[in-house]
Amino acid sequence: MKTSLFSKHIFWSYKPDADLPDNLIIKQVSTYGELEDLYLLCKLFPKKKIIEITKNLTANPKRVNFLIKILL
C-alpha cells in the first residue's frame, strides 16, 4: 500500500512513493499517526487485522488501547 494517504511524519524514513506491506503500515500508523490517520486506518483495513497486529505492540500501550477500545 502507498504511504501517501497518511501523514508524512509517520513514514519519514521511507521513500515517499514506497509500497509497504500492510503489517508495517498498521504498526507505524498505530504508533505515530494522528487521529485522522487512525480513522483512515480503520476504513482501509479489516478490524481483525488491525487488532491482530496492534495487540503485540509495546511502544505505546495507551495509544494502542485507545485504537482498539474506542475506534474499533
C-alpha atoms as a PDB file:
ATOM      1  CA  MET A   1       0.000   0.000   0.000  1.00  0.00           C
ATOM      2  CA  LYS A   2       1.153   3.520  -0.731  1.00  0.00           C
ATOM      3  CA  THR A   3       2.021   5.657   2.255  1.00  0.00           C
ATOM      4  CA  SER A   4       0.903   8.931   0.684  1.00  0.00           C
ATOM      5  CA  LEU A   5      -2.589   8.595   2.202  1.00  0.00           C
ATOM      6  CA  PHE A   6      -1.236   9.152   5.710  1.00  0.00           C
ATOM      7  CA  SER A   7       0.628  11.994   7.429  1.00  0.00           C
ATOM      8  CA  LYS A   8       4.177  12.362   6.140  1.00  0.00           C
ATOM      9  CA  HIS A   9       5.823  12.173   9.566  1.00  0.00           C
ATOM     10  CA  ILE A  10       4.698   8.577  10.057  1.00  0.00           C
ATOM     11  CA  PHE A  11       6.827   7.253   7.210  1.00  0.00           C
ATOM     12  CA  TRP A  12       9.643   9.820   7.209  1.00  0.00           C
ATOM     13  CA  SER A  13      12.341   7.152   6.879  1.00  0.00           C
ATOM     14  CA  TYR A  14      10.832   5.613   3.727  1.00  0.00           C
ATOM     15  CA  LYS A  15      10.702   6.882   0.176  1.00  0.00           C
ATOM     16  CA  PRO A  16       7.541   8.954  -0.440  1.00  0.00           C
ATOM     17  CA  ASP A  17       6.299   6.555  -3.117  1.00  0.00           C
ATOM     18  CA  ALA A  18       7.189   3.390  -1.186  1.00  0.00           C
ATOM     19  CA  ASP A  19       4.796   0.474  -1.469  1.00  0.00           C
ATOM     20  CA  LEU A  20       4.944  -1.017   2.034  1.00  0.00           C
ATOM     21  CA  PRO A  21       3.369  -4.186   3.435  1.00  0.00           C
ATOM     22  CA  ASP A  22       0.081  -3.825   5.294  1.00  0.00           C
ATOM     23  CA  ASN A  23       1.610  -5.011   8.580  1.00  0.00           C
ATOM     24  CA  LEU A  24       4.188  -2.236   8.576  1.00  0.00           C
ATOM     25  CA  ILE A  25       1.618   0.412   7.700  1.00  0.00           C
ATOM     26  CA  ILE A  26      -0.679  -0.697  10.526  1.00  0.00           C
ATOM     27  CA  LYS A  27       2.204  -0.698  13.034  1.00  0.00           C
ATOM     28  CA  GLN A  28       3.506   2.721  12.019  1.00  0.00           C
ATOM     29  CA  VAL A  29       0.112   4.422  11.870  1.00  0.00           C
ATOM     30  CA  SER A  30      -0.975   2.856  15.177  1.00  0.00           C
ATOM     31  CA  THR A  31       2.161   4.104  16.873  1.00  0.00           C
ATOM     32  CA  TYR A  32       2.770   7.510  15.260  1.00  0.00           C
ATOM     33  CA  GLY A  33      -0.412   8.538  13.451  1.00  0.00           C
ATOM     34  CA  GLU A  34      -2.690  11.465  14.176  1.00  0.00           C
ATOM     35  CA  LEU A  35      -6.368  10.884  14.884  1.00  0.00           C
ATOM     36  CA  GLU A  36      -7.244  11.384  11.196  1.00  0.00           C
ATOM     37  CA  ASP A  37      -4.679   8.714  10.289  1.00  0.00           C
ATOM     38  CA  LEU A  38      -6.229   6.300  12.770  1.00  0.00           C
ATOM     39  CA  TYR A  39      -9.692   6.882  11.291  1.00  0.00           C
ATOM     40  CA  LEU A  40      -8.328   6.235   7.807  1.00  0.00           C
ATOM     41  CA  LEU A  41      -6.570   3.094   9.025  1.00  0.00           C
ATOM     42  CA  CYS A  42      -9.885   1.788  10.353  1.00  0.00           C
ATOM     43  CA  LYS A  43     -11.527   2.417   6.988  1.00  0.00           C
ATOM     44  CA  LEU A  44      -8.792   0.772   4.928  1.00  0.00           C
ATOM     45  CA  PHE A  45      -8.134  -2.396   6.912  1.00  0.00           C
ATOM     46  CA  PRO A  46     -10.365  -5.047   8.487  1.00  0.00           C
ATOM     47  CA  LYS A  47     -10.875  -4.774  12.233  1.00  0.00           C
ATOM     48  CA  LYS A  48      -9.456  -8.267  12.876  1.00  0.00           C
ATOM     49  CA  LYS A  49      -6.229  -7.494  11.067  1.00  0.00           C
ATOM     50  CA  ILE A  50      -5.658  -4.245  12.971  1.00  0.00           C
ATOM     51  CA  ILE A  51      -6.286  -5.928  16.333  1.00  0.00           C
ATOM     52  CA  GLU A  52      -4.050  -8.880  15.475  1.00  0.00           C
ATOM     53  CA  ILE A  53      -1.122  -6.640  14.559  1.00  0.00           C
ATOM     54  CA  THR A  54      -1.504  -3.976  17.246  1.00  0.00           C
ATOM     55  CA  LYS A  55      -2.049  -6.277  20.220  1.00  0.00           C
ATOM     56  CA  ASN A  56       1.665  -7.144  20.184  1.00  0.00           C
ATOM     57  CA  LEU A  57       2.899  -3.551  20.027  1.00  0.00           C
ATOM     58  CA  THR A  58       4.650  -2.355  23.159  1.00  0.00           C
ATOM     59  CA  ALA A  59       5.828   1.093  22.004  1.00  0.00           C
ATOM     60  CA  ASN A  60       2.764   2.997  23.190  1.00  0.00           C
ATOM     61  CA  PRO A  61       0.248   0.770  25.003  1.00  0.00           C
ATOM     62  CA  LYS A  62      -2.188   3.598  25.878  1.00  0.00           C
ATOM     63  CA  ARG A  63      -2.401   4.604  22.235  1.00  0.00           C
ATOM     64  CA  VAL A  64      -2.974   1.028  21.068  1.00  0.00           C
ATOM     65  CA  ASN A  65      -5.620   0.561  23.753  1.00  0.00           C
ATOM     66  CA  PHE A  66      -7.365   3.724  22.525  1.00  0.00           C
ATOM     67  CA  LEU A  67      -7.314   2.424  18.963  1.00  0.00           C
ATOM     68  CA  ILE A  68      -8.742  -0.967  19.891  1.00  0.00           C
ATOM     69  CA  LYS A  69     -11.298   0.136  22.511  1.00  0.00           C
ATOM     70  CA  ILE A  70     -12.537   3.420  21.061  1.00  0.00           C
ATOM     71  CA  LEU A  71     -12.041   3.414  17.302  1.00  0.00           C
ATOM     72  CA  LEU A  72     -12.688  -0.247  16.600  1.00  0.00           C
END
